[in-house]
């Protein structure tokens, strides 16, 4: 509907051509400014924006995206919506996507390749603007590359698909567990185990490598029983720890794949008559909100979900503008030491 003036007559609709004339630039320059292009000078951007405000021009981004064959929807494919850490990332993504004018749609792949393929096939049919995905274990780089070849922006977060054309945003996984393990060694621990994660998880390989690097650097052995894989859940952490304690009762510290796994470790230790921190030190990865509230408060490796969200949206912007992107962005980690890591009792 056209706006009306004070007398009730329809006003002439302000067009992009009107803005261009008022700003003294071409129509294509106005379009570039309204679409967030970085190729326009600051002075021209200022003139275009002032003309828009003066004339009351409102850019219809939805119509523009339809003309270009893309909707304003960005699909977020979660590996597991029950994961508290992924909830932090979604919370971080929403304001950035909103600022860019996109509407997020969240879907739960639940670590299933079949569900992932079905969802992406449907999304391609709906001309979504982009996909932000935590790839399911076993995702083939050729599958990713086929999507990239269609011109649909797809960004991997938390994990990468090796040798694919899709850019990825990940934590410094190896460094995180290296710092966590080294902190336990510095406290005097020699028998340190690694609990959680499944072999198909790309991030497990990196985190376990950081653990092994720190142990090797200190000249400490890692018997096969010291590595216990499990799903990234409380139950997984609990069961893996029960197995660990039966096979390697000499262990005095545990590095966990995630904070959620660590919560299950706590339960298994208490069932075995041991106190987390006091009898066996425990350190996690992620720094969930609950980790500072449980007893004892959990030492962990902090990775801010907001940082991953910000970098993913930065990549999305560049892909939509057909600009070059880095193959990988690593988000920094920080060691957070709390009460769950203490010197082993043997030192007292």
C-alpha atoms as a PDB file:
ATOM      1  CA  UNK A   1       0.000   0.000   0.000  1.00  0.00           C
ATOM      2  CA  UNK A   2       1.262   3.473  -0.877  1.00  0.00           C
ATOM      3  CA  UNK A   3       1.636   6.048   1.874  1.00  0.00           C
ATOM      4  CA  UNK A   4      -0.779   9.008   1.935  1.00  0.00           C
ATOM      5  CA  UNK A   5      -0.020  12.660   2.409  1.00  0.00           C
ATOM      6  CA  UNK A   6      -1.789  14.952   4.851  1.00  0.00           C
ATOM      7  CA  UNK A   7      -4.743  15.392   2.479  1.00  0.00           C
ATOM      8  CA  UNK A   8      -5.359  11.706   2.089  1.00  0.00           C
ATOM      9  CA  UNK A   9      -3.969  11.381  -1.423  1.00  0.00           C
ATOM     10  CA  UNK A  10      -1.493   8.620  -2.220  1.00  0.00           C
ATOM     11  CA  UNK A  11       2.090   9.807  -2.270  1.00  0.00           C
ATOM     12  CA  UNK A  12       4.440   8.875  -5.120  1.00  0.00           C
ATOM     13  CA  UNK A  13       6.455   5.832  -4.041  1.00  0.00           C
ATOM     14  CA  UNK A  14      10.105   6.645  -3.485  1.00  0.00           C
ATOM     15  CA  UNK A  15      12.326   4.454  -5.628  1.00  0.00           C
ATOM     16  CA  UNK A  16      16.008   3.552  -5.704  1.00  0.00           C
ATOM     17  CA  UNK A  17      16.337   5.891  -8.702  1.00  0.00           C
ATOM     18  CA  UNK A  18      15.055   8.787  -6.560  1.00  0.00           C
ATOM     19  CA  UNK A  19      17.663   7.977  -3.903  1.00  0.00           C
ATOM     20  CA  UNK A  20      20.392   7.806  -6.540  1.00  0.00           C
ATOM     21  CA  UNK A  21      19.455  11.246  -7.922  1.00  0.00           C
ATOM     22  CA  UNK A  22      19.332  12.798  -4.433  1.00  0.00           C
ATOM     23  CA  UNK A  23      22.707  11.301  -3.491  1.00  0.00           C
ATOM     24  CA  UNK A  24      24.324  12.104  -6.817  1.00  0.00           C
ATOM     25  CA  UNK A  25      25.312   8.497  -7.504  1.00  0.00           C
ATOM     26  CA  UNK A  26      24.227   5.698  -9.815  1.00  0.00           C
ATOM     27  CA  UNK A  27      21.415   3.283  -9.044  1.00  0.00           C
ATOM     28  CA  UNK A  28      23.926   0.427  -8.894  1.00  0.00           C
ATOM     29  CA  UNK A  29      25.895   2.311  -6.216  1.00  0.00           C
ATOM     30  CA  UNK A  30      22.723   2.689  -4.139  1.00  0.00           C
ATOM     31  CA  UNK A  31      22.096  -1.058  -4.497  1.00  0.00           C
ATOM     32  CA  UNK A  32      25.642  -1.860  -3.381  1.00  0.00           C
ATOM     33  CA  UNK A  33      25.320   0.345  -0.295  1.00  0.00           C
ATOM     34  CA  UNK A  34      21.954  -1.134   0.702  1.00  0.00           C
ATOM     35  CA  UNK A  35      23.331  -4.650   0.319  1.00  0.00           C
ATOM     36  CA  UNK A  36      26.307  -3.909   2.582  1.00  0.00           C
ATOM     37  CA  UNK A  37      29.032  -3.983  -0.057  1.00  0.00           C
ATOM     38  CA  UNK A  38      32.501  -2.953   1.100  1.00  0.00           C
ATOM     39  CA  UNK A  39      33.457  -1.727  -2.376  1.00  0.00           C
ATOM     40  CA  UNK A  40      31.755   1.687  -1.969  1.00  0.00           C
ATOM     41  CA  UNK A  41      33.600   4.622  -0.395  1.00  0.00           C
ATOM     42  CA  UNK A  42      32.531   5.870   3.037  1.00  0.00           C
ATOM     43  CA  UNK A  43      31.660   9.266   1.539  1.00  0.00           C
ATOM     44  CA  UNK A  44      29.221   7.728  -0.972  1.00  0.00           C
ATOM     45  CA  UNK A  45      27.737   5.471   1.701  1.00  0.00           C
ATOM     46  CA  UNK A  46      27.050   8.548   3.821  1.00  0.00           C
ATOM     47  CA  UNK A  47      25.342  10.352   0.925  1.00  0.00           C
ATOM     48  CA  UNK A  48      23.160   7.363   0.079  1.00  0.00           C
ATOM     49  CA  UNK A  49      22.118   6.782   3.697  1.00  0.00           C
ATOM     50  CA  UNK A  50      21.286  10.461   4.180  1.00  0.00           C
ATOM     51  CA  UNK A  51      19.188  10.450   0.986  1.00  0.00           C
ATOM     52  CA  UNK A  52      17.291   7.377   2.207  1.00  0.00           C
ATOM     53  CA  UNK A  53      16.474   9.079   5.510  1.00  0.00           C
ATOM     54  CA  UNK A  54      15.481  12.368   3.863  1.00  0.00           C
ATOM     55  CA  UNK A  55      13.221  10.746   1.253  1.00  0.00           C
ATOM     56  CA  UNK A  56      11.865   8.115   3.625  1.00  0.00           C
ATOM     57  CA  UNK A  57      13.032   5.290   1.404  1.00  0.00           C
ATOM     58  CA  UNK A  58      12.713   1.799   2.903  1.00  0.00           C
ATOM     59  CA  UNK A  59      14.738  -0.947   1.252  1.00  0.00           C
ATOM     60  CA  UNK A  60      12.718  -4.101   0.645  1.00  0.00           C
ATOM     61  CA  UNK A  61      15.441  -6.668   1.300  1.00  0.00           C
ATOM     62  CA  UNK A  62      12.968  -9.552   1.161  1.00  0.00           C
ATOM     63  CA  UNK A  63      11.848  -8.659  -2.363  1.00  0.00           C
ATOM     64  CA  UNK A  64      15.444  -8.187  -3.437  1.00  0.00           C
ATOM     65  CA  UNK A  65      16.401 -11.617  -2.162  1.00  0.00           C
ATOM     66  CA  UNK A  66      13.476 -13.187  -4.028  1.00  0.00           C
ATOM     67  CA  UNK A  67      14.562 -11.505  -7.230  1.00  0.00           C
ATOM     68  CA  UNK A  68      18.033 -12.883  -6.647  1.00  0.00           C
ATOM     69  CA  UNK A  69      16.640 -16.370  -6.042  1.00  0.00           C
ATOM     70  CA  UNK A  70      17.424 -16.455  -2.305  1.00  0.00           C
ATOM     71  CA  UNK A  71      15.178 -16.157   0.710  1.00  0.00           C
ATOM     72  CA  UNK A  72      16.151 -14.357   3.919  1.00  0.00           C
ATOM     73  CA  UNK A  73      16.349 -17.639   5.818  1.00  0.00           C
ATOM     74  CA  UNK A  74      19.609 -19.011   7.191  1.00  0.00           C
ATOM     75  CA  UNK A  75      19.386 -22.640   8.301  1.00  0.00           C
ATOM     76  CA  UNK A  76      21.299 -23.720  11.404  1.00  0.00           C
ATOM     77  CA  UNK A  77      21.835 -27.483  11.471  1.00  0.00           C
ATOM     78  CA  UNK A  78      22.666 -28.645  14.974  1.00  0.00           C
ATOM     79  CA  UNK A  79      24.475 -31.884  15.692  1.00  0.00           C
ATOM     80  CA  UNK A  80      22.481 -32.179  18.932  1.00  0.00           C
ATOM     81  CA  UNK A  81      19.952 -29.615  20.139  1.00  0.00           C
ATOM     82  CA  UNK A  82      20.079 -31.067  23.654  1.00  0.00           C
ATOM     83  CA  UNK A  83      23.701 -29.900  23.915  1.00  0.00           C
ATOM     84  CA  UNK A  84      23.935 -26.916  26.274  1.00  0.00           C
ATOM     85  CA  UNK A  85      26.966 -25.659  24.375  1.00  0.00           C
ATOM     86  CA  UNK A  86      25.160 -25.608  21.039  1.00  0.00           C
ATOM     87  CA  UNK A  87      22.381 -23.650  22.735  1.00  0.00           C
ATOM     88  CA  UNK A  88      24.998 -21.028  23.624  1.00  0.00           C
ATOM     89  CA  UNK A  89      26.058 -20.847  19.982  1.00  0.00           C
ATOM     90  CA  UNK A  90      22.469 -20.453  18.775  1.00  0.00           C
ATOM     91  CA  UNK A  91      21.967 -17.695  21.330  1.00  0.00           C
ATOM     92  CA  UNK A  92      25.062 -16.021  19.902  1.00  0.00           C
ATOM     93  CA  UNK A  93      24.012 -16.464  16.261  1.00  0.00           C
ATOM     94  CA  UNK A  94      20.540 -14.931  16.547  1.00  0.00           C
ATOM     95  CA  UNK A  95      21.510 -11.264  17.164  1.00  0.00           C
ATOM     96  CA  UNK A  96      24.180 -11.319  14.441  1.00  0.00           C
ATOM     97  CA  UNK A  97      21.804 -12.844  11.895  1.00  0.00           C
ATOM     98  CA  UNK A  98      19.095 -10.389  12.908  1.00  0.00           C
ATOM     99  CA  UNK A  99      21.498  -7.498  12.367  1.00  0.00           C
ATOM    100  CA  UNK A 100      22.222  -8.835   8.877  1.00  0.00           C
ATOM    101  CA  UNK A 101      18.505  -9.094   8.121  1.00  0.00           C
ATOM    102  CA  UNK A 102      18.273 -12.884   8.188  1.00  0.00           C
ATOM    103  CA  UNK A 103      15.789 -15.211   9.867  1.00  0.00           C
ATOM    104  CA  UNK A 104      17.346 -18.290  11.531  1.00  0.00           C
ATOM    105  CA  UNK A 105      15.671 -21.682  11.226  1.00  0.00           C
ATOM    106  CA  UNK A 106      17.094 -24.323  13.547  1.00  0.00           C
ATOM    107  CA  UNK A 107      17.100 -28.036  12.682  1.00  0.00           C
ATOM    108  CA  UNK A 108      18.402 -31.001  14.684  1.00  0.00           C
ATOM    109  CA  UNK A 109      20.507 -33.448  12.658  1.00  0.00           C
ATOM    110  CA  UNK A 110      21.200 -35.500  15.812  1.00  0.00           C
ATOM    111  CA  UNK A 111      24.495 -36.837  14.395  1.00  0.00           C
ATOM    112  CA  UNK A 112      22.641 -38.595  11.547  1.00  0.00           C
ATOM    113  CA  UNK A 113      24.041 -38.449   8.008  1.00  0.00           C
ATOM    114  CA  UNK A 114      20.665 -39.462   6.608  1.00  0.00           C
ATOM    115  CA  UNK A 115      18.815 -36.646   8.400  1.00  0.00           C
ATOM    116  CA  UNK A 116      21.539 -34.195   7.391  1.00  0.00           C
ATOM    117  CA  UNK A 117      21.199 -35.138   3.710  1.00  0.00           C
ATOM    118  CA  UNK A 118      17.399 -34.937   3.822  1.00  0.00           C
ATOM    119  CA  UNK A 119      17.407 -31.529   5.494  1.00  0.00           C
ATOM    120  CA  UNK A 120      19.955 -30.005   3.135  1.00  0.00           C
ATOM    121  CA  UNK A 121      18.136 -31.364   0.074  1.00  0.00           C
ATOM    122  CA  UNK A 122      14.922 -29.703   1.274  1.00  0.00           C
ATOM    123  CA  UNK A 123      16.700 -26.458   2.133  1.00  0.00           C
ATOM    124  CA  UNK A 124      18.230 -26.220  -1.331  1.00  0.00           C
ATOM    125  CA  UNK A 125      14.732 -26.488  -2.774  1.00  0.00           C
ATOM    126  CA  UNK A 126      13.604 -23.534  -0.652  1.00  0.00           C
ATOM    127  CA  UNK A 127      16.491 -21.300  -1.784  1.00  0.00           C
ATOM    128  CA  UNK A 128      17.771 -20.503   1.692  1.00  0.00           C
ATOM    129  CA  UNK A 129      20.369 -17.753   1.913  1.00  0.00           C
ATOM    130  CA  UNK A 130      22.919 -19.969   3.647  1.00  0.00           C
ATOM    131  CA  UNK A 131      23.558 -22.951   5.903  1.00  0.00           C
ATOM    132  CA  UNK A 132      25.520 -23.021   9.158  1.00  0.00           C
ATOM    133  CA  UNK A 133      26.184 -26.641  10.067  1.00  0.00           C
ATOM    134  CA  UNK A 134      27.958 -28.850  12.567  1.00  0.00           C
ATOM    135  CA  UNK A 135      28.668 -31.733  10.159  1.00  0.00           C
ATOM    136  CA  UNK A 136      27.515 -35.187  11.191  1.00  0.00           C
ATOM    137  CA  UNK A 137      30.278 -37.767  11.665  1.00  0.00           C
ATOM    138  CA  UNK A 138      31.246 -39.292   8.338  1.00  0.00           C
ATOM    139  CA  UNK A 139      30.283 -36.268   6.226  1.00  0.00           C
ATOM    140  CA  UNK A 140      32.089 -36.585   2.882  1.00  0.00           C
ATOM    141  CA  UNK A 141      33.992 -33.617   1.498  1.00  0.00           C
ATOM    142  CA  UNK A 142      32.492 -34.308  -1.950  1.00  0.00           C
ATOM    143  CA  UNK A 143      28.987 -33.842  -0.513  1.00  0.00           C
ATOM    144  CA  UNK A 144      30.018 -30.460   0.882  1.00  0.00           C
ATOM    145  CA  UNK A 145      31.738 -29.487  -2.369  1.00  0.00           C
ATOM    146  CA  UNK A 146      28.602 -30.303  -4.383  1.00  0.00           C
ATOM    147  CA  UNK A 147      26.688 -27.805  -2.244  1.00  0.00           C
ATOM    148  CA  UNK A 148      29.399 -25.182  -2.638  1.00  0.00           C
ATOM    149  CA  UNK A 149      29.297 -25.676  -6.422  1.00  0.00           C
ATOM    150  CA  UNK A 150      25.631 -24.592  -6.483  1.00  0.00           C
ATOM    151  CA  UNK A 151      26.583 -21.210  -5.007  1.00  0.00           C
ATOM    152  CA  UNK A 152      24.817 -21.887  -1.712  1.00  0.00           C
ATOM    153  CA  UNK A 153      26.970 -20.602   1.180  1.00  0.00           C
ATOM    154  CA  UNK A 154      27.650 -23.364   3.724  1.00  0.00           C
ATOM    155  CA  UNK A 155      29.789 -22.867   6.819  1.00  0.00           C
ATOM    156  CA  UNK A 156      30.922 -25.576   9.220  1.00  0.00           C
ATOM    157  CA  UNK A 157      31.139 -24.774  12.923  1.00  0.00           C
ATOM    158  CA  UNK A 158      32.780 -26.687  15.777  1.00  0.00           C
ATOM    159  CA  UNK A 159      33.971 -29.337  13.311  1.00  0.00           C
ATOM    160  CA  UNK A 160      35.437 -29.271   9.840  1.00  0.00           C
ATOM    161  CA  UNK A 161      35.147 -31.618   6.906  1.00  0.00           C
ATOM    162  CA  UNK A 162      38.724 -32.220   5.855  1.00  0.00           C
ATOM    163  CA  UNK A 163      39.670 -31.271   2.285  1.00  0.00           C
ATOM    164  CA  UNK A 164      36.288 -29.642   1.618  1.00  0.00           C
ATOM    165  CA  UNK A 165      35.685 -26.222   0.075  1.00  0.00           C
ATOM    166  CA  UNK A 166      33.482 -25.078   2.952  1.00  0.00           C
ATOM    167  CA  UNK A 167      35.100 -22.688   5.453  1.00  0.00           C
ATOM    168  CA  UNK A 168      35.032 -23.758   9.089  1.00  0.00           C
ATOM    169  CA  UNK A 169      34.965 -22.037  12.477  1.00  0.00           C
ATOM    170  CA  UNK A 170      36.451 -24.143  15.260  1.00  0.00           C
ATOM    171  CA  UNK A 171      37.920 -23.843  18.724  1.00  0.00           C
ATOM    172  CA  UNK A 172      41.645 -24.322  19.166  1.00  0.00           C
ATOM    173  CA  UNK A 173      40.873 -27.874  20.255  1.00  0.00           C
ATOM    174  CA  UNK A 174      44.393 -29.255  20.415  1.00  0.00           C
ATOM    175  CA  UNK A 175      45.714 -26.271  22.338  1.00  0.00           C
ATOM    176  CA  UNK A 176      42.817 -26.428  24.795  1.00  0.00           C
ATOM    177  CA  UNK A 177      43.406 -29.987  25.949  1.00  0.00           C
ATOM    178  CA  UNK A 178      47.160 -29.450  25.856  1.00  0.00           C
ATOM    179  CA  UNK A 179      46.788 -26.592  28.365  1.00  0.00           C
ATOM    180  CA  UNK A 180      44.333 -28.603  30.471  1.00  0.00           C
ATOM    181  CA  UNK A 181      46.633 -31.640  30.644  1.00  0.00           C
ATOM    182  CA  UNK A 182      49.725 -29.556  31.331  1.00  0.00           C
ATOM    183  CA  UNK A 183      47.951 -27.861  34.237  1.00  0.00           C
ATOM    184  CA  UNK A 184      47.322 -31.269  35.819  1.00  0.00           C
ATOM    185  CA  UNK A 185      50.938 -32.318  35.274  1.00  0.00           C
ATOM    186  CA  UNK A 186      52.113 -29.109  36.927  1.00  0.00           C
ATOM    187  CA  UNK A 187      49.963 -30.003  39.961  1.00  0.00           C
ATOM    188  CA  UNK A 188      51.926 -33.256  40.241  1.00  0.00           C
ATOM    189  CA  UNK A 189      49.650 -35.753  38.481  1.00  0.00           C
ATOM    190  CA  UNK A 190      51.329 -38.595  36.577  1.00  0.00           C
ATOM    191  CA  UNK A 191      48.432 -41.006  35.938  1.00  0.00           C
ATOM    192  CA  UNK A 192      46.050 -38.948  33.799  1.00  0.00           C
ATOM    193  CA  UNK A 193      43.209 -40.359  31.689  1.00  0.00           C
ATOM    194  CA  UNK A 194      41.176 -38.938  28.789  1.00  0.00           C
ATOM    195  CA  UNK A 195      37.428 -39.631  28.817  1.00  0.00           C
ATOM    196  CA  UNK A 196      34.693 -39.022  26.247  1.00  0.00           C
ATOM    197  CA  UNK A 197      34.095 -38.531  22.539  1.00  0.00           C
ATOM    198  CA  UNK A 198      33.754 -41.012  19.707  1.00  0.00           C
ATOM    199  CA  UNK A 199      36.325 -41.803  17.031  1.00  0.00           C
ATOM    200  CA  UNK A 200      34.091 -40.438  14.269  1.00  0.00           C
ATOM    201  CA  UNK A 201      34.187 -36.951  15.838  1.00  0.00           C
ATOM    202  CA  UNK A 202      36.807 -34.805  14.117  1.00  0.00           C
ATOM    203  CA  UNK A 203      37.153 -32.602  17.201  1.00  0.00           C
ATOM    204  CA  UNK A 204      37.918 -35.658  19.358  1.00  0.00           C
ATOM    205  CA  UNK A 205      41.047 -36.354  17.318  1.00  0.00           C
ATOM    206  CA  UNK A 206      42.321 -32.827  17.899  1.00  0.00           C
ATOM    207  CA  UNK A 207      41.511 -32.747  21.614  1.00  0.00           C
ATOM    208  CA  UNK A 208      43.019 -36.155  22.208  1.00  0.00           C
ATOM    209  CA  UNK A 209      46.130 -35.048  20.308  1.00  0.00           C
ATOM    210  CA  UNK A 210      46.555 -32.095  22.657  1.00  0.00           C
ATOM    211  CA  UNK A 211      46.305 -34.468  25.617  1.00  0.00           C
ATOM    212  CA  UNK A 212      48.845 -36.872  24.122  1.00  0.00           C
ATOM    213  CA  UNK A 213      51.237 -34.039  23.234  1.00  0.00           C
ATOM    214  CA  UNK A 214      51.291 -32.772  26.818  1.00  0.00           C
ATOM    215  CA  UNK A 215      51.784 -36.271  28.246  1.00  0.00           C
ATOM    216  CA  UNK A 216      54.582 -37.042  25.791  1.00  0.00           C
ATOM    217  CA  UNK A 217      56.290 -33.732  26.487  1.00  0.00           C
ATOM    218  CA  UNK A 218      56.329 -34.598  30.207  1.00  0.00           C
ATOM    219  CA  UNK A 219      57.607 -38.130  29.539  1.00  0.00           C
ATOM    220  CA  UNK A 220      54.436 -39.727  30.962  1.00  0.00           C
ATOM    221  CA  UNK A 221      52.986 -43.002  29.715  1.00  0.00           C
ATOM    222  CA  UNK A 222      49.419 -43.325  28.454  1.00  0.00           C
ATOM    223  CA  UNK A 223      48.342 -46.978  28.751  1.00  0.00           C
ATOM    224  CA  UNK A 224      45.542 -48.005  26.393  1.00  0.00           C
ATOM    225  CA  UNK A 225      43.075 -48.188  29.300  1.00  0.00           C
ATOM    226  CA  UNK A 226      43.648 -44.479  30.027  1.00  0.00           C
ATOM    227  CA  UNK A 227      41.712 -43.554  26.864  1.00  0.00           C
ATOM    228  CA  UNK A 228      37.982 -44.222  27.247  1.00  0.00           C
ATOM    229  CA  UNK A 229      35.658 -43.199  24.417  1.00  0.00           C
ATOM    230  CA  UNK A 230      31.980 -42.481  24.942  1.00  0.00           C
ATOM    231  CA  UNK A 231      29.060 -40.460  23.599  1.00  0.00           C
ATOM    232  CA  UNK A 232      29.213 -36.780  24.590  1.00  0.00           C
ATOM    233  CA  UNK A 233      26.615 -37.106  27.328  1.00  0.00           C
ATOM    234  CA  UNK A 234      26.376 -37.476  31.100  1.00  0.00           C
ATOM    235  CA  UNK A 235      25.570 -41.160  30.665  1.00  0.00           C
ATOM    236  CA  UNK A 236      28.529 -41.580  28.346  1.00  0.00           C
ATOM    237  CA  UNK A 237      30.870 -39.911  30.827  1.00  0.00           C
ATOM    238  CA  UNK A 238      29.484 -41.984  33.675  1.00  0.00           C
ATOM    239  CA  UNK A 239      29.868 -45.331  31.907  1.00  0.00           C
ATOM    240  CA  UNK A 240      33.329 -44.563  30.548  1.00  0.00           C
ATOM    241  CA  UNK A 241      34.549 -43.549  34.007  1.00  0.00           C
ATOM    242  CA  UNK A 242      33.154 -46.670  35.643  1.00  0.00           C
ATOM    243  CA  UNK A 243      35.077 -48.688  33.070  1.00  0.00           C
ATOM    244  CA  UNK A 244      38.217 -46.615  33.625  1.00  0.00           C
ATOM    245  CA  UNK A 245      38.166 -47.091  37.397  1.00  0.00           C
ATOM    246  CA  UNK A 246      37.835 -50.864  37.035  1.00  0.00           C
ATOM    247  CA  UNK A 247      40.786 -51.061  34.628  1.00  0.00           C
ATOM    248  CA  UNK A 248      43.088 -48.337  35.950  1.00  0.00           C
ATOM    249  CA  UNK A 249      42.424 -47.603  39.651  1.00  0.00           C
ATOM    250  CA  UNK A 250      45.750 -45.725  39.882  1.00  0.00           C
ATOM    251  CA  UNK A 251      44.427 -42.791  37.820  1.00  0.00           C
ATOM    252  CA  UNK A 252      44.451 -39.519  39.787  1.00  0.00           C
ATOM    253  CA  UNK A 253      43.163 -37.083  37.143  1.00  0.00           C
ATOM    254  CA  UNK A 254      40.774 -37.089  34.163  1.00  0.00           C
ATOM    255  CA  UNK A 255      40.684 -34.788  31.143  1.00  0.00           C
ATOM    256  CA  UNK A 256      37.159 -34.779  29.680  1.00  0.00           C
ATOM    257  CA  UNK A 257      36.060 -34.287  26.079  1.00  0.00           C
ATOM    258  CA  UNK A 258      33.345 -31.829  27.203  1.00  0.00           C
ATOM    259  CA  UNK A 259      31.886 -30.355  30.375  1.00  0.00           C
ATOM    260  CA  UNK A 260      28.778 -32.536  29.947  1.00  0.00           C
ATOM    261  CA  UNK A 261      30.980 -35.630  29.944  1.00  0.00           C
ATOM    262  CA  UNK A 262      32.621 -34.293  33.116  1.00  0.00           C
ATOM    263  CA  UNK A 263      29.241 -34.101  34.845  1.00  0.00           C
ATOM    264  CA  UNK A 264      28.843 -37.844  34.226  1.00  0.00           C
ATOM    265  CA  UNK A 265      32.387 -38.405  35.491  1.00  0.00           C
ATOM    266  CA  UNK A 266      31.415 -36.714  38.778  1.00  0.00           C
ATOM    267  CA  UNK A 267      28.509 -39.143  39.233  1.00  0.00           C
ATOM    268  CA  UNK A 268      30.632 -42.225  38.540  1.00  0.00           C
ATOM    269  CA  UNK A 269      33.361 -41.074  40.949  1.00  0.00           C
ATOM    270  CA  UNK A 270      30.857 -40.549  43.764  1.00  0.00           C
ATOM    271  CA  UNK A 271      29.297 -43.947  43.133  1.00  0.00           C
ATOM    272  CA  UNK A 272      32.791 -45.417  43.531  1.00  0.00           C
ATOM    273  CA  UNK A 273      33.238 -43.610  46.858  1.00  0.00           C
ATOM    274  CA  UNK A 274      35.598 -40.981  45.458  1.00  0.00           C
ATOM    275  CA  UNK A 275      35.246 -37.199  45.584  1.00  0.00           C
ATOM    276  CA  UNK A 276      35.866 -35.151  42.426  1.00  0.00           C
ATOM    277  CA  UNK A 277      38.766 -32.797  42.977  1.00  0.00           C
ATOM    278  CA  UNK A 278      39.751 -34.235  46.328  1.00  0.00           C
ATOM    279  CA  UNK A 279      40.417 -37.832  45.246  1.00  0.00           C
ATOM    280  CA  UNK A 280      40.540 -37.508  41.457  1.00  0.00           C
ATOM    281  CA  UNK A 281      40.952 -34.218  39.633  1.00  0.00           C
ATOM    282  CA  UNK A 282      38.579 -33.527  36.731  1.00  0.00           C
ATOM    283  CA  UNK A 283      38.794 -30.928  33.969  1.00  0.00           C
ATOM    284  CA  UNK A 284      36.275 -30.288  31.183  1.00  0.00           C
ATOM    285  CA  UNK A 285      36.017 -28.414  27.883  1.00  0.00           C
ATOM    286  CA  UNK A 286      33.527 -25.632  26.887  1.00  0.00           C
ATOM    287  CA  UNK A 287      32.860 -23.799  30.201  1.00  0.00           C
ATOM    288  CA  UNK A 288      29.094 -24.178  30.376  1.00  0.00           C
ATOM    289  CA  UNK A 289      27.194 -21.985  32.818  1.00  0.00           C
ATOM    290  CA  UNK A 290      26.555 -24.921  35.173  1.00  0.00           C
ATOM    291  CA  UNK A 291      30.274 -25.689  35.442  1.00  0.00           C
ATOM    292  CA  UNK A 292      30.952 -22.903  37.921  1.00  0.00           C
ATOM    293  CA  UNK A 293      27.828 -23.773  39.943  1.00  0.00           C
ATOM    294  CA  UNK A 294      28.267 -27.514  40.510  1.00  0.00           C
ATOM    295  CA  UNK A 295      30.227 -28.811  43.514  1.00  0.00           C
ATOM    296  CA  UNK A 296      33.111 -28.755  43.290  1.00  0.00           C
ATOM    297  CA  UNK A 297      33.194 -26.061  40.620  1.00  0.00           C
ATOM    298  CA  UNK A 298      34.593 -27.554  37.417  1.00  0.00           C
ATOM    299  CA  UNK A 299      37.941 -26.555  35.967  1.00  0.00           C
ATOM    300  CA  UNK A 300      37.561 -26.345  32.191  1.00  0.00           C
ATOM    301  CA  UNK A 301      38.695 -24.923  28.876  1.00  0.00           C
ATOM    302  CA  UNK A 302      36.601 -21.886  27.975  1.00  0.00           C
ATOM    303  CA  UNK A 303      35.436 -21.442  24.389  1.00  0.00           C
ATOM    304  CA  UNK A 304      32.935 -18.630  23.943  1.00  0.00           C
ATOM    305  CA  UNK A 305      29.956 -19.652  21.821  1.00  0.00           C
ATOM    306  CA  UNK A 306      29.478 -15.994  20.888  1.00  0.00           C
ATOM    307  CA  UNK A 307      32.948 -15.954  19.302  1.00  0.00           C
ATOM    308  CA  UNK A 308      32.077 -18.928  17.098  1.00  0.00           C
ATOM    309  CA  UNK A 309      28.762 -17.280  16.173  1.00  0.00           C
ATOM    310  CA  UNK A 310      30.404 -13.975  15.261  1.00  0.00           C
ATOM    311  CA  UNK A 311      33.032 -15.581  13.039  1.00  0.00           C
ATOM    312  CA  UNK A 312      30.428 -17.785  11.305  1.00  0.00           C
ATOM    313  CA  UNK A 313      28.343 -14.723  10.430  1.00  0.00           C
ATOM    314  CA  UNK A 314      31.463 -12.915   9.212  1.00  0.00           C
ATOM    315  CA  UNK A 315      32.113 -15.806   6.817  1.00  0.00           C
ATOM    316  CA  UNK A 316      28.462 -15.820   5.727  1.00  0.00           C
ATOM    317  CA  UNK A 317      28.640 -12.123   4.845  1.00  0.00           C
ATOM    318  CA  UNK A 318      31.744 -12.637   2.749  1.00  0.00           C
ATOM    319  CA  UNK A 319      30.371 -15.669   0.938  1.00  0.00           C
ATOM    320  CA  UNK A 320      27.149 -13.833   0.070  1.00  0.00           C
ATOM    321  CA  UNK A 321      29.212 -10.928  -1.246  1.00  0.00           C
ATOM    322  CA  UNK A 322      31.264 -13.456  -3.274  1.00  0.00           C
ATOM    323  CA  UNK A 323      34.420 -12.418  -1.446  1.00  0.00           C
ATOM    324  CA  UNK A 324      37.328 -14.670  -0.551  1.00  0.00           C
ATOM    325  CA  UNK A 325      37.218 -16.326   2.863  1.00  0.00           C
ATOM    326  CA  UNK A 326      39.833 -18.096   4.977  1.00  0.00           C
ATOM    327  CA  UNK A 327      39.564 -21.889   4.903  1.00  0.00           C
ATOM    328  CA  UNK A 328      39.457 -22.032   8.676  1.00  0.00           C
ATOM    329  CA  UNK A 329      39.050 -19.654  11.597  1.00  0.00           C
ATOM    330  CA  UNK A 330      40.273 -20.851  14.991  1.00  0.00           C
ATOM    331  CA  UNK A 331      38.569 -19.344  18.029  1.00  0.00           C
ATOM    332  CA  UNK A 332      40.795 -18.844  21.054  1.00  0.00           C
ATOM    333  CA  UNK A 333      40.584 -20.904  24.240  1.00  0.00           C
ATOM    334  CA  UNK A 334      41.240 -20.045  27.873  1.00  0.00           C
ATOM    335  CA  UNK A 335      42.110 -22.349  30.763  1.00  0.00           C
ATOM    336  CA  UNK A 336      39.770 -21.803  33.732  1.00  0.00           C
ATOM    337  CA  UNK A 337      40.997 -23.391  36.950  1.00  0.00           C
ATOM    338  CA  UNK A 338      38.487 -24.053  39.717  1.00  0.00           C
ATOM    339  CA  UNK A 339      38.130 -26.475  42.632  1.00  0.00           C
ATOM    340  CA  UNK A 340      37.905 -29.738  40.665  1.00  0.00           C
ATOM    341  CA  UNK A 341      41.647 -29.775  39.972  1.00  0.00           C
ATOM    342  CA  UNK A 342      43.973 -30.163  42.928  1.00  0.00           C
ATOM    343  CA  UNK A 343      47.346 -31.760  43.642  1.00  0.00           C
ATOM    344  CA  UNK A 344      47.167 -35.561  44.072  1.00  0.00           C
ATOM    345  CA  UNK A 345      46.892 -36.845  47.635  1.00  0.00           C
ATOM    346  CA  UNK A 346      50.181 -38.704  47.238  1.00  0.00           C
ATOM    347  CA  UNK A 347      52.010 -35.357  47.424  1.00  0.00           C
ATOM    348  CA  UNK A 348      50.699 -34.611  50.893  1.00  0.00           C
END
